[in-house]
PDB file of N, CA and C in Angstrom:
ATOM      1  N   MET A   1       0.594  -1.149  -0.182  1.00  0.00           N
ATOM      2  CA  MET A   1       0.115  -0.069  -0.062  1.00  0.00           C
ATOM      3  C   MET A   1       0.824   1.078   0.077  1.00  0.00           C
ATOM      4  N   PRO A   2       0.495   1.720  -0.226  1.00  0.00           N
ATOM      5  CA  PRO A   2       1.699   3.622  -0.779  1.00  0.00           C
ATOM      6  C   PRO A   2       1.365   4.487   0.058  1.00  0.00           C
ATOM      7  N   PHE A   3       1.895   5.443   0.916  1.00  0.00           N
ATOM      8  CA  PHE A   3       2.327   6.180   1.791  1.00  0.00           C
ATOM      9  C   PHE A   3       0.875   6.972   1.457  1.00  0.00           C
ATOM     10  N   SER A   4       0.373   7.327   2.076  1.00  0.00           N
ATOM     11  CA  SER A   4      -0.910   8.546   2.282  1.00  0.00           C
ATOM     12  C   SER A   4       0.394  10.108   2.081  1.00  0.00           C
ATOM     13  N   THR A   5      -0.196  11.280   1.649  1.00  0.00           N
ATOM     14  CA  THR A   5       0.212  12.577   1.715  1.00  0.00           C
ATOM     15  C   THR A   5      -0.694  13.346   2.280  1.00  0.00           C
ATOM     16  N   ARG A   6      -1.556  12.415   3.085  1.00  0.00           N
ATOM     17  CA  ARG A   6      -3.346  13.480   3.293  1.00  0.00           C
ATOM     18  C   ARG A   6      -2.405  14.627   3.900  1.00  0.00           C
ATOM     19  N   LYS A   7      -3.312  15.620   3.747  1.00  0.00           N
ATOM     20  CA  LYS A   7      -2.336  16.811   5.247  1.00  0.00           C
ATOM     21  C   LYS A   7      -3.317  16.444   6.587  1.00  0.00           C
ATOM     22  N   LEU A   8      -2.568  16.493   7.659  1.00  0.00           N
ATOM     23  CA  LEU A   8      -3.046  16.047   8.893  1.00  0.00           C
ATOM     24  C   LEU A   8      -2.928  17.227   9.661  1.00  0.00           C
ATOM     25  N   SER A   9      -3.905  17.507  11.236  1.00  0.00           N
ATOM     26  CA  SER A   9      -4.254  18.497  11.632  1.00  0.00           C
ATOM     27  C   SER A   9      -3.898  17.770  12.934  1.00  0.00           C
ATOM     28  N   VAL A  10      -3.340  18.596  13.663  1.00  0.00           N
ATOM     29  CA  VAL A  10      -3.110  18.825  14.962  1.00  0.00           C
ATOM     30  C   VAL A  10      -3.634  19.673  15.946  1.00  0.00           C
ATOM     31  N   THR A  11      -4.103  19.046  17.314  1.00  0.00           N
ATOM     32  CA  THR A  11      -4.988  20.049  17.965  1.00  0.00           C
ATOM     33  C   THR A  11      -3.905  19.759  19.410  1.00  0.00           C
ATOM     34  N   CYS A  12      -3.613  20.886  19.934  1.00  0.00           N
ATOM     35  CA  CYS A  12      -3.323  20.926  21.256  1.00  0.00           C
ATOM     36  C   CYS A  12      -3.759  21.532  22.297  1.00  0.00           C
ATOM     37  N   GLN A  13      -4.116  21.192  23.502  1.00  0.00           N
ATOM     38  CA  GLN A  13      -4.364  22.121  23.934  1.00  0.00           C
ATOM     39  C   GLN A  13      -3.338  22.619  25.358  1.00  0.00           C
ATOM     40  N   ILE A  14      -3.587  23.970  25.519  1.00  0.00           N
ATOM     41  CA  ILE A  14      -2.903  24.240  26.533  1.00  0.00           C
ATOM     42  C   ILE A  14      -4.133  25.422  27.374  1.00  0.00           C
ATOM     43  N   GLN A  15      -4.210  24.949  29.018  1.00  0.00           N
ATOM     44  CA  GLN A  15      -5.220  25.765  28.990  1.00  0.00           C
ATOM     45  C   GLN A  15      -4.435  26.547  30.360  1.00  0.00           C
ATOM     46  N   VAL A  16      -4.804  27.769  30.622  1.00  0.00           N
ATOM     47  CA  VAL A  16      -4.163  29.316  30.713  1.00  0.00           C
ATOM     48  C   VAL A  16      -4.971  29.401  31.902  1.00  0.00           C
ATOM     49  N   ALA A  17      -5.214  29.847  32.743  1.00  0.00           N
ATOM     50  CA  ALA A  17      -6.260  30.663  33.902  1.00  0.00           C
ATOM     51  C   ALA A  17      -5.481  31.742  34.020  1.00  0.00           C
ATOM     52  N   PHE A  18      -6.324  32.489  33.763  1.00  0.00           N
ATOM     53  CA  PHE A  18      -5.776  34.279  34.373  1.00  0.00           C
ATOM     54  C   PHE A  18      -7.367  35.321  34.635  1.00  0.00           C
ATOM     55  N   HIS A  19      -7.508  35.482  36.247  1.00  0.00           N
ATOM     56  CA  HIS A  19      -8.250  36.360  36.636  1.00  0.00           C
ATOM     57  C   HIS A  19      -7.723  37.051  37.137  1.00  0.00           C
ATOM     58  N   CYS A  20      -8.581  38.669  36.812  1.00  0.00           N
ATOM     59  CA  CYS A  20      -8.088  39.670  37.389  1.00  0.00           C
ATOM     60  C   CYS A  20      -8.942  40.035  38.773  1.00  0.00           C
ATOM     61  N   TYR A  21      -8.737  39.040  39.664  1.00  0.00           N
ATOM     62  CA  TYR A  21      -9.758  39.663  41.011  1.00  0.00           C
ATOM     63  C   TYR A  21      -9.430  41.330  41.348  1.00  0.00           C
ATOM     64  N   TYR A  22      -8.274  41.538  41.392  1.00  0.00           N
ATOM     65  CA  TYR A  22      -8.256  42.825  42.083  1.00  0.00           C
ATOM     66  C   TYR A  22      -7.918  43.860  40.722  1.00  0.00           C
ATOM     67  N   LYS A  23      -8.817  45.107  41.162  1.00  0.00           N
ATOM     68  CA  LYS A  23      -8.924  45.773  40.526  1.00  0.00           C
ATOM     69  C   LYS A  23      -7.652  46.570  40.207  1.00  0.00           C
ATOM     70  N   LYS A  24      -6.732  46.672  41.197  1.00  0.00           N
ATOM     71  CA  LYS A  24      -5.440  47.163  40.671  1.00  0.00           C
ATOM     72  C   LYS A  24      -4.916  46.718  39.646  1.00  0.00           C
ATOM     73  N   THR A  25      -5.266  45.081  39.507  1.00  0.00           N
ATOM     74  CA  THR A  25      -4.248  44.268  38.220  1.00  0.00           C
ATOM     75  C   THR A  25      -5.434  44.732  36.630  1.00  0.00           C
ATOM     76  N   GLN A  26      -6.722  45.146  37.255  1.00  0.00           N
ATOM     77  CA  GLN A  26      -7.925  45.218  35.879  1.00  0.00           C
ATOM     78  C   GLN A  26      -6.746  46.415  35.444  1.00  0.00           C
ATOM     79  N   GLY A  27      -6.552  46.738  34.150  1.00  0.00           N
ATOM     80  CA  GLY A  27      -5.996  47.761  33.163  1.00  0.00           C
ATOM     81  C   GLY A  27      -4.765  47.768  33.222  1.00  0.00           C
ATOM     82  N   SER A  28      -3.653  47.065  33.609  1.00  0.00           N
ATOM     83  CA  SER A  28      -2.733  47.275  34.052  1.00  0.00           C
ATOM     84  C   SER A  28      -2.093  46.955  33.217  1.00  0.00           C
ATOM     85  N   SER A  29      -2.247  46.037  31.820  1.00  0.00           N
ATOM     86  CA  SER A  29      -1.656  46.192  31.046  1.00  0.00           C
ATOM     87  C   SER A  29      -1.404  44.272  31.214  1.00  0.00           C
ATOM     88  N   ALA A  30      -1.400  43.800  32.318  1.00  0.00           N
ATOM     89  CA  ALA A  30      -1.067  42.414  32.549  1.00  0.00           C
ATOM     90  C   ALA A  30      -1.535  41.095  31.940  1.00  0.00           C
ATOM     91  N   ALA A  31      -2.454  41.691  31.630  1.00  0.00           N
ATOM     92  CA  ALA A  31      -3.660  40.481  30.406  1.00  0.00           C
ATOM     93  C   ALA A  31      -2.913  40.785  28.933  1.00  0.00           C
ATOM     94  N   LYS A  32      -2.575  41.773  28.837  1.00  0.00           N
ATOM     95  CA  LYS A  32      -2.169  42.133  27.134  1.00  0.00           C
ATOM     96  C   LYS A  32      -0.801  41.910  27.087  1.00  0.00           C
ATOM     97  N   SER A  33      -0.115  41.894  28.220  1.00  0.00           N
ATOM     98  CA  SER A  33       1.718  41.134  28.114  1.00  0.00           C
ATOM     99  C   SER A  33       1.287  39.779  27.950  1.00  0.00           C
ATOM    100  N   LEU A  34       0.327  38.994  28.570  1.00  0.00           N
ATOM    101  CA  LEU A  34      -0.270  37.479  29.089  1.00  0.00           C
ATOM    102  C   LEU A  34       0.234  36.809  27.563  1.00  0.00           C
ATOM    103  N   ILE A  35      -1.414  37.432  26.750  1.00  0.00           N
ATOM    104  CA  ILE A  35      -1.721  37.322  25.604  1.00  0.00           C
ATOM    105  C   ILE A  35      -0.660  37.100  24.210  1.00  0.00           C
ATOM    106  N   SER A  36       0.115  38.155  24.772  1.00  0.00           N
ATOM    107  CA  SER A  36       1.465  38.600  23.689  1.00  0.00           C
ATOM    108  C   SER A  36       2.725  37.744  24.276  1.00  0.00           C
ATOM    109  N   SER A  37       3.003  37.186  25.474  1.00  0.00           N
ATOM    110  CA  SER A  37       3.648  36.697  25.111  1.00  0.00           C
ATOM    111  C   SER A  37       3.371  35.107  24.675  1.00  0.00           C
ATOM    112  N   LEU A  38       1.775  34.375  25.031  1.00  0.00           N
ATOM    113  CA  LEU A  38       1.697  33.652  24.674  1.00  0.00           C
ATOM    114  C   LEU A  38       1.528  33.165  22.666  1.00  0.00           C
ATOM    115  N   GLU A  39       0.815  34.411  22.346  1.00  0.00           N
ATOM    116  CA  GLU A  39       1.322  34.344  21.014  1.00  0.00           C
ATOM    117  C   GLU A  39       2.825  34.395  20.171  1.00  0.00           C
ATOM    118  N   GLU A  40       3.573  34.979  21.051  1.00  0.00           N
ATOM    119  CA  GLU A  40       5.158  35.037  20.492  1.00  0.00           C
ATOM    120  C   GLU A  40       5.583  33.566  20.541  1.00  0.00           C
ATOM    121  N   LEU A  41       5.123  32.364  21.816  1.00  0.00           N
ATOM    122  CA  LEU A  41       6.017  31.232  21.820  1.00  0.00           C
ATOM    123  C   LEU A  41       5.298  30.059  21.115  1.00  0.00           C
ATOM    124  N   LEU A  42       3.714  30.684  20.901  1.00  0.00           N
ATOM    125  CA  LEU A  42       3.138  29.799  19.783  1.00  0.00           C
ATOM    126  C   LEU A  42       3.389  30.091  18.364  1.00  0.00           C
ATOM    127  N   SER A  43       3.947  30.925  17.891  1.00  0.00           N
ATOM    128  CA  SER A  43       4.568  31.062  17.209  1.00  0.00           C
ATOM    129  C   SER A  43       5.530  30.733  17.027  1.00  0.00           C
ATOM    130  N   ALA A  44       6.562  31.083  17.980  1.00  0.00           N
ATOM    131  CA  ALA A  44       7.872  30.655  17.463  1.00  0.00           C
ATOM    132  C   ALA A  44       7.848  28.436  17.733  1.00  0.00           C
ATOM    133  N   LYS A  45       6.858  28.253  17.886  1.00  0.00           N
ATOM    134  CA  LYS A  45       6.697  26.360  17.700  1.00  0.00           C
ATOM    135  C   LYS A  45       5.345  26.204  16.723  1.00  0.00           C
ATOM    136  N   GLN A  46       5.287  27.564  15.826  1.00  0.00           N
ATOM    137  CA  GLN A  46       5.009  27.206  14.149  1.00  0.00           C
ATOM    138  C   GLN A  46       3.246  26.494  14.458  1.00  0.00           C
ATOM    139  N   ILE A  47       2.512  27.260  15.562  1.00  0.00           N
ATOM    140  CA  ILE A  47       1.589  27.188  15.895  1.00  0.00           C
ATOM    141  C   ILE A  47       0.942  28.554  15.074  1.00  0.00           C
ATOM    142  N   VAL A  48       0.155  28.666  13.921  1.00  0.00           N
ATOM    143  CA  VAL A  48      -0.599  29.451  13.630  1.00  0.00           C
ATOM    144  C   VAL A  48      -2.524  29.540  14.193  1.00  0.00           C
ATOM    145  N   THR A  49      -2.823  28.576  14.860  1.00  0.00           N
ATOM    146  CA  THR A  49      -3.988  28.863  15.536  1.00  0.00           C
ATOM    147  C   THR A  49      -4.162  29.235  16.768  1.00  0.00           C
ATOM    148  N   TYR A  50      -5.108  29.385  17.797  1.00  0.00           N
ATOM    149  CA  TYR A  50      -5.395  29.323  18.855  1.00  0.00           C
ATOM    150  C   TYR A  50      -6.742  29.418  19.198  1.00  0.00           C
ATOM    151  N   GLY A  51      -7.106  29.436  20.117  1.00  0.00           N
ATOM    152  CA  GLY A  51      -8.702  29.550  20.513  1.00  0.00           C
ATOM    153  C   GLY A  51      -8.641  29.902  22.152  1.00  0.00           C
ATOM    154  N   LEU A  52     -10.074  30.437  22.730  1.00  0.00           N
ATOM    155  CA  LEU A  52     -10.125  30.411  23.798  1.00  0.00           C
ATOM    156  C   LEU A  52     -11.668  29.950  23.903  1.00  0.00           C
ATOM    157  N   SER A  53     -11.895  30.165  25.640  1.00  0.00           N
ATOM    158  CA  SER A  53     -13.064  30.742  25.632  1.00  0.00           C
ATOM    159  C   SER A  53     -13.629  31.736  27.077  1.00  0.00           C
ATOM    160  N   VAL A  54     -14.663  32.132  26.441  1.00  0.00           N
ATOM    161  CA  VAL A  54     -14.844  33.281  27.853  1.00  0.00           C
ATOM    162  C   VAL A  54     -16.225  32.869  28.064  1.00  0.00           C
ATOM    163  N   LYS A  55     -17.258  33.136  29.067  1.00  0.00           N
ATOM    164  CA  LYS A  55     -18.840  33.338  29.538  1.00  0.00           C
ATOM    165  C   LYS A  55     -18.953  34.495  28.876  1.00  0.00           C
ATOM    166  N   ASN A  56     -20.391  34.705  28.530  1.00  0.00           N
ATOM    167  CA  ASN A  56     -21.323  35.384  27.639  1.00  0.00           C
ATOM    168  C   ASN A  56     -21.206  36.362  29.614  1.00  0.00           C
ATOM    169  N   THR A  57     -20.991  36.807  29.767  1.00  0.00           N
ATOM    170  CA  THR A  57     -21.736  37.491  31.119  1.00  0.00           C
ATOM    171  C   THR A  57     -20.515  38.424  31.765  1.00  0.00           C
ATOM    172  N   ASN A  58     -19.085  38.125  30.897  1.00  0.00           N
ATOM    173  CA  ASN A  58     -18.034  38.417  30.839  1.00  0.00           C
ATOM    174  C   ASN A  58     -17.907  39.862  29.738  1.00  0.00           C
ATOM    175  N   PRO A  59     -18.902  40.760  29.671  1.00  0.00           N
ATOM    176  CA  PRO A  59     -18.504  41.708  27.996  1.00  0.00           C
ATOM    177  C   PRO A  59     -17.171  42.376  28.108  1.00  0.00           C
ATOM    178  N   ARG A  60     -17.035  42.830  29.452  1.00  0.00           N
ATOM    179  CA  ARG A  60     -15.306  43.379  29.057  1.00  0.00           C
ATOM    180  C   ARG A  60     -14.062  42.172  28.343  1.00  0.00           C
ATOM    181  N   ALA A  61     -13.973  41.011  28.850  1.00  0.00           N
ATOM    182  CA  ALA A  61     -13.134  40.318  28.749  1.00  0.00           C
ATOM    183  C   ALA A  61     -13.684  40.000  26.951  1.00  0.00           C
ATOM    184  N   ILE A  62     -14.674  39.974  27.294  1.00  0.00           N
ATOM    185  CA  ILE A  62     -15.086  39.548  25.452  1.00  0.00           C
ATOM    186  C   ILE A  62     -14.732  40.928  24.170  1.00  0.00           C
ATOM    187  N   ARG A  63     -14.696  41.764  25.395  1.00  0.00           N
ATOM    188  CA  ARG A  63     -13.809  43.522  24.000  1.00  0.00           C
ATOM    189  C   ARG A  63     -12.267  43.182  24.160  1.00  0.00           C
ATOM    190  N   PHE A  64     -12.268  42.681  25.001  1.00  0.00           N
ATOM    191  CA  PHE A  64     -10.550  42.772  25.337  1.00  0.00           C
ATOM    192  C   PHE A  64      -9.992  41.571  24.150  1.00  0.00           C
ATOM    193  N   TYR A  65     -10.317  40.628  24.390  1.00  0.00           N
ATOM    194  CA  TYR A  65      -9.918  39.658  23.118  1.00  0.00           C
ATOM    195  C   TYR A  65     -10.752  40.075  21.829  1.00  0.00           C
ATOM    196  N   GLU A  66     -11.572  40.743  21.484  1.00  0.00           N
ATOM    197  CA  GLU A  66     -12.002  41.544  20.388  1.00  0.00           C
ATOM    198  C   GLU A  66     -10.395  42.232  19.615  1.00  0.00           C
ATOM    199  N   LYS A  67     -10.071  42.849  20.877  1.00  0.00           N
ATOM    200  CA  LYS A  67      -9.209  44.043  21.128  1.00  0.00           C
ATOM    201  C   LYS A  67      -8.147  43.607  20.812  1.00  0.00           C
ATOM    202  N   MET A  68      -7.566  42.546  21.094  1.00  0.00           N
ATOM    203  CA  MET A  68      -6.712  41.879  20.636  1.00  0.00           C
ATOM    204  C   MET A  68      -6.421  41.009  19.599  1.00  0.00           C
ATOM    205  N   GLY A  69      -7.507  41.075  18.809  1.00  0.00           N
ATOM    206  CA  GLY A  69      -7.583  40.359  17.511  1.00  0.00           C
ATOM    207  C   GLY A  69      -8.602  39.150  17.622  1.00  0.00           C
ATOM    208  N   LEU A  70      -9.025  38.587  18.650  1.00  0.00           N
ATOM    209  CA  LEU A  70      -9.959  37.277  18.341  1.00  0.00           C
ATOM    210  C   LEU A  70     -10.973  37.764  17.554  1.00  0.00           C
ATOM    211  N   SER A  71     -11.767  36.391  17.157  1.00  0.00           N
ATOM    212  CA  SER A  71     -12.971  36.901  16.943  1.00  0.00           C
ATOM    213  C   SER A  71     -13.941  35.300  17.358  1.00  0.00           C
ATOM    214  N   ILE A  72     -15.074  36.172  17.268  1.00  0.00           N
ATOM    215  CA  ILE A  72     -16.378  35.055  18.135  1.00  0.00           C
ATOM    216  C   ILE A  72     -16.649  34.033  16.926  1.00  0.00           C
ATOM    217  N   GLU A  73     -16.086  32.571  17.109  1.00  0.00           N
ATOM    218  CA  GLU A  73     -16.513  31.397  16.500  1.00  0.00           C
ATOM    219  C   GLU A  73     -18.074  30.972  16.625  1.00  0.00           C
ATOM    220  N   HIS A  74     -18.385  30.679  17.956  1.00  0.00           N
ATOM    221  CA  HIS A  74     -19.530  30.256  18.200  1.00  0.00           C
ATOM    222  C   HIS A  74     -19.820  30.096  19.497  1.00  0.00           C
ATOM    223  N   GLN A  75     -20.862  29.829  20.208  1.00  0.00           N
ATOM    224  CA  GLN A  75     -21.734  30.436  21.208  1.00  0.00           C
ATOM    225  C   GLN A  75     -21.787  28.715  21.306  1.00  0.00           C
ATOM    226  N   GLN A  76     -21.668  28.604  22.986  1.00  0.00           N
ATOM    227  CA  GLN A  76     -22.662  27.249  23.151  1.00  0.00           C
ATOM    228  C   GLN A  76     -22.744  27.427  24.621  1.00  0.00           C
ATOM    229  N   GLY A  77     -24.067  27.644  25.144  1.00  0.00           N
ATOM    230  CA  GLY A  77     -24.912  27.826  26.242  1.00  0.00           C
ATOM    231  C   GLY A  77     -24.272  29.050  26.453  1.00  0.00           C
ATOM    232  N   LYS A  78     -23.961  29.607  28.077  1.00  0.00           N
ATOM    233  CA  LYS A  78     -23.349  30.919  28.254  1.00  0.00           C
ATOM    234  C   LYS A  78     -21.467  30.728  27.817  1.00  0.00           C
ATOM    235  N   THR A  79     -20.991  29.391  27.035  1.00  0.00           N
ATOM    236  CA  THR A  79     -19.409  30.291  26.497  1.00  0.00           C
ATOM    237  C   THR A  79     -19.745  30.413  25.510  1.00  0.00           C
ATOM    238  N   ILE A  80     -19.104  31.855  25.311  1.00  0.00           N
ATOM    239  CA  ILE A  80     -18.183  32.032  24.031  1.00  0.00           C
ATOM    240  C   ILE A  80     -16.844  31.283  23.429  1.00  0.00           C
ATOM    241  N   PHE A  81     -16.984  30.977  22.339  1.00  0.00           N
ATOM    242  CA  PHE A  81     -15.368  30.208  21.893  1.00  0.00           C
ATOM    243  C   PHE A  81     -14.842  31.345  20.851  1.00  0.00           C
ATOM    244  N   MET A  82     -13.106  31.842  21.018  1.00  0.00           N
ATOM    245  CA  MET A  82     -13.022  32.683  20.029  1.00  0.00           C
ATOM    246  C   MET A  82     -11.430  31.867  19.785  1.00  0.00           C
ATOM    247  N   LYS A  83     -11.115  32.538  18.219  1.00  0.00           N
ATOM    248  CA  LYS A  83     -10.330  32.371  17.677  1.00  0.00           C
ATOM    249  C   LYS A  83      -9.366  33.339  16.991  1.00  0.00           C
ATOM    250  N   LYS A  84      -8.142  33.085  17.243  1.00  0.00           N
ATOM    251  CA  LYS A  84      -7.723  34.122  16.216  1.00  0.00           C
ATOM    252  C   LYS A  84      -5.862  33.266  15.716  1.00  0.00           C
ATOM    253  N   ASN A  85      -5.893  33.868  14.519  1.00  0.00           N
ATOM    254  CA  ASN A  85      -4.467  32.991  13.544  1.00  0.00           C
ATOM    255  C   ASN A  85      -3.042  33.923  13.690  1.00  0.00           C
ATOM    256  N   ILE A  86      -2.506  33.541  14.139  1.00  0.00           N
ATOM    257  CA  ILE A  86      -1.312  34.206  14.041  1.00  0.00           C
ATOM    258  C   ILE A  86      -0.693  34.609  13.150  1.00  0.00           C
ATOM    259  N   THR A  87       0.241  35.446  12.589  1.00  0.00           N
ATOM    260  CA  THR A  87       0.458  35.756  11.186  1.00  0.00           C
ATOM    261  C   THR A  87       2.206  36.182  11.892  1.00  0.00           C
ATOM    262  N   ASN A  88       3.276  35.692  11.492  1.00  0.00           N
ATOM    263  CA  ASN A  88       4.893  36.271  11.264  1.00  0.00           C
ATOM    264  C   ASN A  88       4.896  37.247  10.879  1.00  0.00           C
TER     265      ASN A  88
END
């Protein structure tokens, strides 16, 4: 049987929990720095797409992620799934 050259899709799930419980950290650019560092790491590993989920009851986080370039893919119950393609 000949070797198949079909394109493979690899999915890797990394969970990062980041919560700003304290008013001092909200708006401090900590989350922006975390997202930027994550994207640099993923890009260095040649990972071109990533996604995350956020509760629909958190409009501030949704707006933040949209500003960071993520777009809403779909919603399931109270959870919104967002995605971003990383370009070098």
